[in-house]
Amino acid sequence: MKDEIPFNDWSKERLAQNRKLCTSRHKRYTKDKRVQWISPKLPFWFIRTYLWEVEGANNPAELQMVVEQIYHRKVLDDEMFYVHFGKFNTKNQNKTKVRENGKV
């Protein structure tokens, strides 16, 4: 769906593990039906300090690294994001499941 929040491979892996409960974005994705609540704009230092675990990271430094890989630049503490909470682990995110024997 065009209005759905896109996720990179790192996020898709965390979603499949049920470790990622939210995602931070510069714009509000109001038409994504998976989104249940969107925060007011929050500075990245707050997200990194208090929301790193529900973002799916192992620690604040990992979240910083992943976000900087996405934007291909240093993300500063005062950069503002909307945090989207919802049920993102859907069939659309996990298109193919492989069984232990390697068959789909």
PDB file of N, CA and C in Angstrom:
ATOM      1  N   MET A   1       0.846  -1.188   0.000  1.00  0.00           N
ATOM      2  CA  MET A   1       0.000   0.000   0.000  1.00  0.00           C
ATOM      3  C   MET A   1       0.885   1.242   0.000  1.00  0.00           C
ATOM      4  N   LYS A   2       0.514   2.209  -0.764  1.00  0.00           N
ATOM      5  CA  LYS A   2       1.302   3.424  -0.938  1.00  0.00           C
ATOM      6  C   LYS A   2       1.451   4.243   0.344  1.00  0.00           C
ATOM      7  N   ASP A   3       0.441   4.258   1.181  1.00  0.00           N
ATOM      8  CA  ASP A   3       0.451   5.086   2.387  1.00  0.00           C
ATOM      9  C   ASP A   3       1.046   4.388   3.602  1.00  0.00           C
ATOM     10  N   GLU A   4       1.542   3.146   3.433  1.00  0.00           N
ATOM     11  CA  GLU A   4       2.128   2.430   4.555  1.00  0.00           C
ATOM     12  C   GLU A   4       3.556   2.882   4.817  1.00  0.00           C
ATOM     13  N   ILE A   5       3.933   2.844   6.078  1.00  0.00           N
ATOM     14  CA  ILE A   5       5.295   3.182   6.468  1.00  0.00           C
ATOM     15  C   ILE A   5       6.236   2.125   5.914  1.00  0.00           C
ATOM     16  N   PRO A   6       7.276   2.535   5.190  1.00  0.00           N
ATOM     17  CA  PRO A   6       8.252   1.556   4.697  1.00  0.00           C
ATOM     18  C   PRO A   6       9.247   1.195   5.802  1.00  0.00           C
ATOM     19  N   PHE A   7       9.729  -0.041   5.782  1.00  0.00           N
ATOM     20  CA  PHE A   7      10.713  -0.496   6.755  1.00  0.00           C
ATOM     21  C   PHE A   7      11.924  -1.095   6.045  1.00  0.00           C
ATOM     22  N   ASN A   8      13.108  -0.833   6.609  1.00  0.00           N
ATOM     23  CA  ASN A   8      14.326  -1.434   6.065  1.00  0.00           C
ATOM     24  C   ASN A   8      14.464  -2.858   6.617  1.00  0.00           C
ATOM     25  N   ASP A   9      15.494  -3.572   6.170  1.00  0.00           N
ATOM     26  CA  ASP A   9      15.676  -4.967   6.574  1.00  0.00           C
ATOM     27  C   ASP A   9      15.889  -5.099   8.082  1.00  0.00           C
ATOM     28  N   TRP A  10      16.643  -4.188   8.675  1.00  0.00           N
ATOM     29  CA  TRP A  10      16.883  -4.219  10.116  1.00  0.00           C
ATOM     30  C   TRP A  10      15.551  -4.151  10.866  1.00  0.00           C
ATOM     31  N   SER A  11      14.691  -3.230  10.455  1.00  0.00           N
ATOM     32  CA  SER A  11      13.388  -3.078  11.108  1.00  0.00           C
ATOM     33  C   SER A  11      12.491  -4.291  10.863  1.00  0.00           C
ATOM     34  N   LYS A  12      12.507  -4.812   9.654  1.00  0.00           N
ATOM     35  CA  LYS A  12      11.692  -5.992   9.351  1.00  0.00           C
ATOM     36  C   LYS A  12      12.097  -7.171  10.229  1.00  0.00           C
ATOM     37  N   GLU A  13      13.387  -7.322  10.459  1.00  0.00           N
ATOM     38  CA  GLU A  13      13.875  -8.394  11.334  1.00  0.00           C
ATOM     39  C   GLU A  13      13.354  -8.203  12.758  1.00  0.00           C
ATOM     40  N   ARG A  14      13.412  -6.974  13.270  1.00  0.00           N
ATOM     41  CA  ARG A  14      12.922  -6.683  14.624  1.00  0.00           C
ATOM     42  C   ARG A  14      11.411  -6.857  14.716  1.00  0.00           C
ATOM     43  N   LEU A  15      10.696  -6.498  13.653  1.00  0.00           N
ATOM     44  CA  LEU A  15       9.249  -6.700  13.632  1.00  0.00           C
ATOM     45  C   LEU A  15       8.916  -8.193  13.696  1.00  0.00           C
ATOM     46  N   ALA A  16       9.645  -9.003  12.940  1.00  0.00           N
ATOM     47  CA  ALA A  16       9.413 -10.447  12.932  1.00  0.00           C
ATOM     48  C   ALA A  16       9.685 -11.059  14.299  1.00  0.00           C
ATOM     49  N   GLN A  17      10.585 -10.450  15.057  1.00  0.00           N
ATOM     50  CA  GLN A  17      10.920 -10.924  16.403  1.00  0.00           C
ATOM     51  C   GLN A  17       9.990 -10.316  17.467  1.00  0.00           C
ATOM     52  N   ASN A  18       9.042  -9.509  17.026  1.00  0.00           N
ATOM     53  CA  ASN A  18       8.128  -8.788  17.939  1.00  0.00           C
ATOM     54  C   ASN A  18       8.880  -7.898  18.919  1.00  0.00           C
ATOM     55  N   ARG A  19      10.008  -7.348  18.484  1.00  0.00           N
ATOM     56  CA  ARG A  19      10.804  -6.456  19.334  1.00  0.00           C
ATOM     57  C   ARG A  19      10.571  -4.994  18.998  1.00  0.00           C
ATOM     58  N   LYS A  20      10.023  -4.712  17.822  1.00  0.00           N
ATOM     59  CA  LYS A  20       9.830  -3.333  17.380  1.00  0.00           C
ATOM     60  C   LYS A  20       8.353  -2.978  17.489  1.00  0.00           C
ATOM     61  N   LEU A  21       8.048  -2.045  18.384  1.00  0.00           N
ATOM     62  CA  LEU A  21       6.666  -1.647  18.630  1.00  0.00           C
ATOM     63  C   LEU A  21       6.354  -0.251  18.106  1.00  0.00           C
ATOM     64  N   CYS A  22       7.409   0.488  17.723  1.00  0.00           N
ATOM     65  CA  CYS A  22       7.205   1.842  17.218  1.00  0.00           C
ATOM     66  C   CYS A  22       8.280   2.171  16.197  1.00  0.00           C
ATOM     67  N   THR A  23       8.061   3.262  15.486  1.00  0.00           N
ATOM     68  CA  THR A  23       9.025   3.719  14.496  1.00  0.00           C
ATOM     69  C   THR A  23       8.964   5.244  14.427  1.00  0.00           C
ATOM     70  N   SER A  24      10.120   5.855  14.324  1.00  0.00           N
ATOM     71  CA  SER A  24      10.216   7.326  14.308  1.00  0.00           C
ATOM     72  C   SER A  24      10.392   7.829  12.887  1.00  0.00           C
ATOM     73  N   ARG A  25       9.608   8.818  12.539  1.00  0.00           N
ATOM     74  CA  ARG A  25       9.619   9.359  11.175  1.00  0.00           C
ATOM     75  C   ARG A  25       9.500  10.877  11.207  1.00  0.00           C
ATOM     76  N   HIS A  26       9.971  11.517  10.122  1.00  0.00           N
ATOM     77  CA  HIS A  26       9.845  12.966  10.022  1.00  0.00           C
ATOM     78  C   HIS A  26       8.420  13.401   9.693  1.00  0.00           C
ATOM     79  N   LYS A  27       7.694  12.549   8.973  1.00  0.00           N
ATOM     80  CA  LYS A  27       6.316  12.908   8.638  1.00  0.00           C
ATOM     81  C   LYS A  27       5.351  11.983   9.348  1.00  0.00           C
ATOM     82  N   ARG A  28       4.127  12.424   9.463  1.00  0.00           N
ATOM     83  CA  ARG A  28       3.070  11.621  10.079  1.00  0.00           C
ATOM     84  C   ARG A  28       2.433  10.732   9.010  1.00  0.00           C
ATOM     85  N   TYR A  29       2.359   9.459   9.291  1.00  0.00           N
ATOM     86  CA  TYR A  29       1.705   8.509   8.386  1.00  0.00           C
ATOM     87  C   TYR A  29       0.288   8.274   8.908  1.00  0.00           C
ATOM     88  N   THR A  30      -0.600   9.177   8.584  1.00  0.00           N
ATOM     89  CA  THR A  30      -1.962   9.131   9.116  1.00  0.00           C
ATOM     90  C   THR A  30      -2.873   8.144   8.381  1.00  0.00           C
ATOM     91  N   LYS A  31      -2.471   7.707   7.190  1.00  0.00           N
ATOM     92  CA  LYS A  31      -3.320   6.799   6.420  1.00  0.00           C
ATOM     93  C   LYS A  31      -2.894   5.336   6.536  1.00  0.00           C
ATOM     94  N   ASP A  32      -1.821   5.074   7.244  1.00  0.00           N
ATOM     95  CA  ASP A  32      -1.384   3.693   7.458  1.00  0.00           C
ATOM     96  C   ASP A  32      -2.293   3.083   8.521  1.00  0.00           C
ATOM     97  N   LYS A  33      -3.089   2.094   8.131  1.00  0.00           N
ATOM     98  CA  LYS A  33      -4.087   1.502   9.022  1.00  0.00           C
ATOM     99  C   LYS A  33      -3.459   0.733  10.184  1.00  0.00           C
ATOM    100  N   ARG A  34      -2.171   0.422  10.096  1.00  0.00           N
ATOM    101  CA  ARG A  34      -1.491  -0.291  11.183  1.00  0.00           C
ATOM    102  C   ARG A  34      -1.148   0.644  12.340  1.00  0.00           C
ATOM    103  N   VAL A  35      -1.121   1.948  12.081  1.00  0.00           N
ATOM    104  CA  VAL A  35      -0.743   2.928  13.101  1.00  0.00           C
ATOM    105  C   VAL A  35      -1.909   3.138  14.061  1.00  0.00           C
ATOM    106  N   GLN A  36      -1.603   3.008  15.364  1.00  0.00           N
ATOM    107  CA  GLN A  36      -2.627   3.196  16.384  1.00  0.00           C
ATOM    108  C   GLN A  36      -2.509   4.549  17.080  1.00  0.00           C
ATOM    109  N   TRP A  37      -1.294   5.088  17.144  1.00  0.00           N
ATOM    110  CA  TRP A  37      -1.085   6.373  17.818  1.00  0.00           C
ATOM    111  C   TRP A  37       0.190   7.004  17.305  1.00  0.00           C
ATOM    112  N   ILE A  38       0.171   8.326  17.132  1.00  0.00           N
ATOM    113  CA  ILE A  38       1.345   9.086  16.711  1.00  0.00           C
ATOM    114  C   ILE A  38       1.623  10.139  17.777  1.00  0.00           C
ATOM    115  N   SER A  39       2.865  10.168  18.232  1.00  0.00           N
ATOM    116  CA  SER A  39       3.252  11.141  19.261  1.00  0.00           C
ATOM    117  C   SER A  39       3.346  12.537  18.670  1.00  0.00           C
ATOM    118  N   PRO A  40       3.349  13.544  19.522  1.00  0.00           N
ATOM    119  CA  PRO A  40       3.774  14.867  19.053  1.00  0.00           C
ATOM    120  C   PRO A  40       5.248  14.748  18.656  1.00  0.00           C
ATOM    121  N   LYS A  41       5.780  15.745  17.975  1.00  0.00           N
ATOM    122  CA  LYS A  41       7.191  15.701  17.604  1.00  0.00           C
ATOM    123  C   LYS A  41       8.058  15.611  18.855  1.00  0.00           C
ATOM    124  N   LEU A  42       9.028  14.700  18.800  1.00  0.00           N
ATOM    125  CA  LEU A  42       9.961  14.504  19.910  1.00  0.00           C
ATOM    126  C   LEU A  42      11.390  14.629  19.402  1.00  0.00           C
ATOM    127  N   PRO A  43      12.296  15.174  20.216  1.00  0.00           N
ATOM    128  CA  PRO A  43      13.694  15.268  19.793  1.00  0.00           C
ATOM    129  C   PRO A  43      14.349  13.884  19.816  1.00  0.00           C
ATOM    130  N   PHE A  44      15.307  13.704  18.921  1.00  0.00           N
ATOM    131  CA  PHE A  44      15.941  12.392  18.805  1.00  0.00           C
ATOM    132  C   PHE A  44      16.620  11.966  20.105  1.00  0.00           C
ATOM    133  N   TRP A  45      17.162  12.908  20.880  1.00  0.00           N
ATOM    134  CA  TRP A  45      17.806  12.515  22.138  1.00  0.00           C
ATOM    135  C   TRP A  45      16.815  11.799  23.055  1.00  0.00           C
ATOM    136  N   PHE A  46      15.548  12.234  23.041  1.00  0.00           N
ATOM    137  CA  PHE A  46      14.517  11.614  23.878  1.00  0.00           C
ATOM    138  C   PHE A  46      14.215  10.201  23.379  1.00  0.00           C
ATOM    139  N   ILE A  47      14.063  10.070  22.061  1.00  0.00           N
ATOM    140  CA  ILE A  47      13.775   8.766  21.459  1.00  0.00           C
ATOM    141  C   ILE A  47      14.926   7.800  21.742  1.00  0.00           C
ATOM    142  N   ARG A  48      16.150   8.246  21.531  1.00  0.00           N
ATOM    143  CA  ARG A  48      17.334   7.409  21.739  1.00  0.00           C
ATOM    144  C   ARG A  48      17.471   7.016  23.221  1.00  0.00           C
ATOM    145  N   THR A  49      17.157   7.927  24.120  1.00  0.00           N
ATOM    146  CA  THR A  49      17.326   7.676  25.557  1.00  0.00           C
ATOM    147  C   THR A  49      16.216   6.814  26.149  1.00  0.00           C
ATOM    148  N   TYR A  50      14.969   7.077  25.750  1.00  0.00           N
ATOM    149  CA  TYR A  50      13.830   6.432  26.398  1.00  0.00           C
ATOM    150  C   TYR A  50      13.080   5.406  25.550  1.00  0.00           C
ATOM    151  N   LEU A  51      13.216   5.458  24.236  1.00  0.00           N
ATOM    152  CA  LEU A  51      12.423   4.572  23.374  1.00  0.00           C
ATOM    153  C   LEU A  51      13.265   3.588  22.563  1.00  0.00           C
ATOM    154  N   TRP A  52      14.569   3.518  22.824  1.00  0.00           N
ATOM    155  CA  TRP A  52      15.440   2.649  22.026  1.00  0.00           C
ATOM    156  C   TRP A  52      14.977   1.197  22.033  1.00  0.00           C
ATOM    157  N   GLU A  53      14.487   0.722  23.176  1.00  0.00           N
ATOM    158  CA  GLU A  53      14.102  -0.687  23.265  1.00  0.00           C
ATOM    159  C   GLU A  53      12.835  -0.980  22.455  1.00  0.00           C
ATOM    160  N   VAL A  54      11.824  -0.129  22.560  1.00  0.00           N
ATOM    161  CA  VAL A  54      10.590  -0.360  21.788  1.00  0.00           C
ATOM    162  C   VAL A  54      10.786  -0.038  20.308  1.00  0.00           C
ATOM    163  N   GLU A  55      11.882   0.646  19.969  1.00  0.00           N
ATOM    164  CA  GLU A  55      12.260   0.838  18.558  1.00  0.00           C
ATOM    165  C   GLU A  55      12.937  -0.418  17.998  1.00  0.00           C
ATOM    166  N   GLY A  56      13.250  -1.379  18.891  1.00  0.00           N
ATOM    167  CA  GLY A  56      13.826  -2.642  18.448  1.00  0.00           C
ATOM    168  C   GLY A  56      15.330  -2.743  18.593  1.00  0.00           C
ATOM    169  N   ALA A  57      15.968  -1.726  19.136  1.00  0.00           N
ATOM    170  CA  ALA A  57      17.430  -1.727  19.257  1.00  0.00           C
ATOM    171  C   ALA A  57      17.887  -2.466  20.514  1.00  0.00           C
ATOM    172  N   ASN A  58      19.141  -2.894  20.506  1.00  0.00           N
ATOM    173  CA  ASN A  58      19.747  -3.548  21.664  1.00  0.00           C
ATOM    174  C   ASN A  58      20.209  -2.535  22.703  1.00  0.00           C
ATOM    175  N   ASN A  59      20.434  -1.298  22.261  1.00  0.00           N
ATOM    176  CA  ASN A  59      20.896  -0.234  23.150  1.00  0.00           C
ATOM    177  C   ASN A  59      20.772   1.099  22.401  1.00  0.00           C
ATOM    178  N   PRO A  60      20.922   2.221  23.093  1.00  0.00           N
ATOM    179  CA  PRO A  60      20.794   3.530  22.434  1.00  0.00           C
ATOM    180  C   PRO A  60      21.805   3.735  21.295  1.00  0.00           C
ATOM    181  N   ALA A  61      23.012   3.225  21.456  1.00  0.00           N
ATOM    182  CA  ALA A  61      24.036   3.391  20.416  1.00  0.00           C
ATOM    183  C   ALA A  61      23.644   2.679  19.121  1.00  0.00           C
ATOM    184  N   GLU A  62      23.024   1.511  19.241  1.00  0.00           N
ATOM    185  CA  GLU A  62      22.580   0.801  18.043  1.00  0.00           C
ATOM    186  C   GLU A  62      21.496   1.597  17.321  1.00  0.00           C
ATOM    187  N   LEU A  63      20.566   2.169  18.073  1.00  0.00           N
ATOM    188  CA  LEU A  63      19.518   2.977  17.441  1.00  0.00           C
ATOM    189  C   LEU A  63      20.132   4.163  16.703  1.00  0.00           C
ATOM    190  N   GLN A  64      21.090   4.832  17.328  1.00  0.00           N
ATOM    191  CA  GLN A  64      21.781   5.960  16.693  1.00  0.00           C
ATOM    192  C   GLN A  64      22.420   5.512  15.374  1.00  0.00           C
ATOM    193  N   MET A  65      23.120   4.374  15.408  1.00  0.00           N
ATOM    194  CA  MET A  65      23.804   3.859  14.223  1.00  0.00           C
ATOM    195  C   MET A  65      22.818   3.545  13.097  1.00  0.00           C
ATOM    196  N   VAL A  66      21.716   2.881  13.440  1.00  0.00           N
ATOM    197  CA  VAL A  66      20.729   2.493  12.430  1.00  0.00           C
ATOM    198  C   VAL A  66      20.086   3.724  11.796  1.00  0.00           C
ATOM    199  N   VAL A  67      19.703   4.693  12.608  1.00  0.00           N
ATOM    200  CA  VAL A  67      19.080   5.911  12.083  1.00  0.00           C
ATOM    201  C   VAL A  67      20.058   6.666  11.185  1.00  0.00           C
ATOM    202  N   GLU A  68      21.313   6.722  11.560  1.00  0.00           N
ATOM    203  CA  GLU A  68      22.312   7.416  10.741  1.00  0.00           C
ATOM    204  C   GLU A  68      22.590   6.664   9.435  1.00  0.00           C
ATOM    205  N   GLN A  69      22.472   5.344   9.443  1.00  0.00           N
ATOM    206  CA  GLN A  69      22.600   4.584   8.194  1.00  0.00           C
ATOM    207  C   GLN A  69      21.435   4.889   7.260  1.00  0.00           C
ATOM    208  N   ILE A  70      20.250   5.049   7.828  1.00  0.00           N
ATOM    209  CA  ILE A  70      19.069   5.360   7.016  1.00  0.00           C
ATOM    210  C   ILE A  70      19.211   6.727   6.353  1.00  0.00           C
ATOM    211  N   TYR A  71      19.652   7.718   7.118  1.00  0.00           N
ATOM    212  CA  TYR A  71      19.732   9.092   6.612  1.00  0.00           C
ATOM    213  C   TYR A  71      21.086   9.434   5.985  1.00  0.00           C
ATOM    214  N   HIS A  72      22.055   8.533   6.085  1.00  0.00           N
ATOM    215  CA  HIS A  72      23.393   8.750   5.503  1.00  0.00           C
ATOM    216  C   HIS A  72      24.040  10.026   6.025  1.00  0.00           C
ATOM    217  N   ARG A  73      23.806  10.295   7.324  1.00  0.00           N
ATOM    218  CA  ARG A  73      24.391  11.485   7.948  1.00  0.00           C
ATOM    219  C   ARG A  73      24.236  11.381   9.457  1.00  0.00           C
ATOM    220  N   LYS A  74      24.907  12.273  10.172  1.00  0.00           N
ATOM    221  CA  LYS A  74      24.774  12.356  11.621  1.00  0.00           C
ATOM    222  C   LYS A  74      23.394  12.916  11.953  1.00  0.00           C
ATOM    223  N   VAL A  75      22.660  12.220  12.808  1.00  0.00           N
ATOM    224  CA  VAL A  75      21.355  12.691  13.272  1.00  0.00           C
ATOM    225  C   VAL A  75      21.591  13.346  14.627  1.00  0.00           C
ATOM    226  N   LEU A  76      21.294  14.624  14.696  1.00  0.00           N
ATOM    227  CA  LEU A  76      21.580  15.405  15.896  1.00  0.00           C
ATOM    228  C   LEU A  76      20.517  15.223  16.972  1.00  0.00           C
ATOM    229  N   ASP A  77      20.907  15.500  18.199  1.00  0.00           N
ATOM    230  CA  ASP A  77      20.014  15.324  19.346  1.00  0.00           C
ATOM    231  C   ASP A  77      18.709  16.098  19.229  1.00  0.00           C
ATOM    232  N   ASP A  78      18.757  17.280  18.635  1.00  0.00           N
ATOM    233  CA  ASP A  78      17.552  18.121  18.588  1.00  0.00           C
ATOM    234  C   ASP A  78      16.699  17.909  17.337  1.00  0.00           C
ATOM    235  N   GLU A  79      17.067  16.959  16.492  1.00  0.00           N
ATOM    236  CA  GLU A  79      16.253  16.671  15.304  1.00  0.00           C
ATOM    237  C   GLU A  79      14.923  16.064  15.753  1.00  0.00           C
ATOM    238  N   MET A  80      13.836  16.538  15.175  1.00  0.00           N
ATOM    239  CA  MET A  80      12.493  16.173  15.638  1.00  0.00           C
ATOM    240  C   MET A  80      11.861  15.071  14.778  1.00  0.00           C
ATOM    241  N   PHE A  81      11.174  14.153  15.454  1.00  0.00           N
ATOM    242  CA  PHE A  81      10.518  13.018  14.804  1.00  0.00           C
ATOM    243  C   PHE A  81       9.134  12.795  15.418  1.00  0.00           C
ATOM    244  N   TYR A  82       8.239  12.239  14.608  1.00  0.00           N
ATOM    245  CA  TYR A  82       6.975  11.718  15.106  1.00  0.00           C
ATOM    246  C   TYR A  82       7.204  10.233  15.382  1.00  0.00           C
ATOM    247  N   VAL A  83       6.785   9.757  16.534  1.00  0.00           N
ATOM    248  CA  VAL A  83       6.916   8.341  16.853  1.00  0.00           C
ATOM    249  C   VAL A  83       5.559   7.682  16.621  1.00  0.00           C
ATOM    250  N   HIS A  84       5.564   6.674  15.751  1.00  0.00           N
ATOM    251  CA  HIS A  84       4.348   5.946  15.387  1.00  0.00           C
ATOM    252  C   HIS A  84       4.316   4.623  16.143  1.00  0.00           C
ATOM    253  N   PHE A  85       3.233   4.391  16.875  1.00  0.00           N
ATOM    254  CA  PHE A  85       3.036   3.126  17.568  1.00  0.00           C
ATOM    255  C   PHE A  85       1.917   2.376  16.863  1.00  0.00           C
ATOM    256  N   GLY A  86       2.055   1.068  16.742  1.00  0.00           N
ATOM    257  CA  GLY A  86       1.012   0.299  16.089  1.00  0.00           C
ATOM    258  C   GLY A  86       1.358  -1.155  15.959  1.00  0.00           C
ATOM    259  N   LYS A  87       0.593  -1.840  15.149  1.00  0.00           N
ATOM    260  CA  LYS A  87       0.796  -3.262  14.878  1.00  0.00           C
ATOM    261  C   LYS A  87       1.382  -3.379  13.474  1.00  0.00           C
ATOM    262  N   PHE A  88       2.706  -3.326  13.401  1.00  0.00           N
ATOM    263  CA  PHE A  88       3.386  -3.311  12.109  1.00  0.00           C
ATOM    264  C   PHE A  88       3.811  -4.690  11.635  1.00  0.00           C
ATOM    265  N   ASN A  89       3.801  -5.674  12.521  1.00  0.00           N
ATOM    266  CA  ASN A  89       4.220  -7.022  12.156  1.00  0.00           C
ATOM    267  C   ASN A  89       3.060  -7.736  11.477  1.00  0.00           C
ATOM    268  N   THR A  90       2.873  -7.439  10.201  1.00  0.00           N
ATOM    269  CA  THR A  90       1.755  -7.988   9.441  1.00  0.00           C
ATOM    270  C   THR A  90       2.268  -8.894   8.344  1.00  0.00           C
ATOM    271  N   LYS A  91       1.355  -9.529   7.652  1.00  0.00           N
ATOM    272  CA  LYS A  91       1.720 -10.399   6.530  1.00  0.00           C
ATOM    273  C   LYS A  91       2.481  -9.630   5.463  1.00  0.00           C
ATOM    274  N   ASN A  92       2.187  -8.340   5.314  1.00  0.00           N
ATOM    275  CA  ASN A  92       2.889  -7.534   4.307  1.00  0.00           C
ATOM    276  C   ASN A  92       4.369  -7.410   4.622  1.00  0.00           C
ATOM    277  N   GLN A  93       4.733  -7.409   5.901  1.00  0.00           N
ATOM    278  CA  GLN A  93       6.129  -7.267   6.286  1.00  0.00           C
ATOM    279  C   GLN A  93       6.870  -8.597   6.226  1.00  0.00           C
ATOM    280  N   ASN A  94       6.164  -9.709   6.421  1.00  0.00           N
ATOM    281  CA  ASN A  94       6.774 -11.032   6.437  1.00  0.00           C
ATOM    282  C   ASN A  94       6.152 -11.857   5.318  1.00  0.00           C
ATOM    283  N   LYS A  95       6.507 -11.553   4.108  1.00  0.00           N
ATOM    284  CA  LYS A  95       5.869 -12.159   2.949  1.00  0.00           C
ATOM    285  C   LYS A  95       6.121 -13.655   2.853  1.00  0.00           C
ATOM    286  N   THR A  96       7.307 -14.103   3.237  1.00  0.00           N
ATOM    287  CA  THR A  96       7.651 -15.501   3.098  1.00  0.00           C
ATOM    288  C   THR A  96       8.211 -16.027   4.411  1.00  0.00           C
ATOM    289  N   LYS A  97       7.648 -17.141   4.851  1.00  0.00           N
ATOM    290  CA  LYS A  97       8.183 -17.794   6.043  1.00  0.00           C
ATOM    291  C   LYS A  97       8.811 -19.103   5.599  1.00  0.00           C
ATOM    292  N   VAL A  98       9.993 -19.386   6.105  1.00  0.00           N
ATOM    293  CA  VAL A  98      10.693 -20.606   5.759  1.00  0.00           C
ATOM    294  C   VAL A  98      10.656 -21.537   6.951  1.00  0.00           C
ATOM    295  N   ARG A  99      10.251 -22.787   6.694  1.00  0.00           N
ATOM    296  CA  ARG A  99      10.233 -23.780   7.757  1.00  0.00           C
ATOM    297  C   ARG A  99      11.639 -24.278   8.022  1.00  0.00           C
ATOM    298  N   GLU A 100      11.805 -25.060   9.083  1.00  0.00           N
ATOM    299  CA  GLU A 100      13.130 -25.562   9.451  1.00  0.00           C
ATOM    300  C   GLU A 100      13.774 -26.371   8.344  1.00  0.00           C
ATOM    301  N   ASN A 101      12.994 -27.086   7.555  1.00  0.00           N
ATOM    302  CA  ASN A 101      13.551 -27.917   6.492  1.00  0.00           C
ATOM    303  C   ASN A 101      13.910 -27.085   5.254  1.00  0.00           C
ATOM    304  N   GLY A 102      13.722 -25.768   5.321  1.00  0.00           N
ATOM    305  CA  GLY A 102      14.108 -24.896   4.223  1.00  0.00           C
ATOM    306  C   GLY A 102      13.036 -24.686   3.180  1.00  0.00           C
ATOM    307  N   LYS A 103      11.893 -25.353   3.334  1.00  0.00           N
ATOM    308  CA  LYS A 103      10.806 -25.195   2.353  1.00  0.00           C
ATOM    309  C   LYS A 103       9.849 -24.112   2.813  1.00  0.00           C
ATOM    310  N   VAL A 104       9.240 -23.472   1.840  1.00  0.00           N
ATOM    311  CA  VAL A 104       8.287 -22.394   2.126  1.00  0.00           C
ATOM    312  C   VAL A 104       6.917 -22.977   2.387  1.00  0.00           C
TER     313      VAL A 104
END
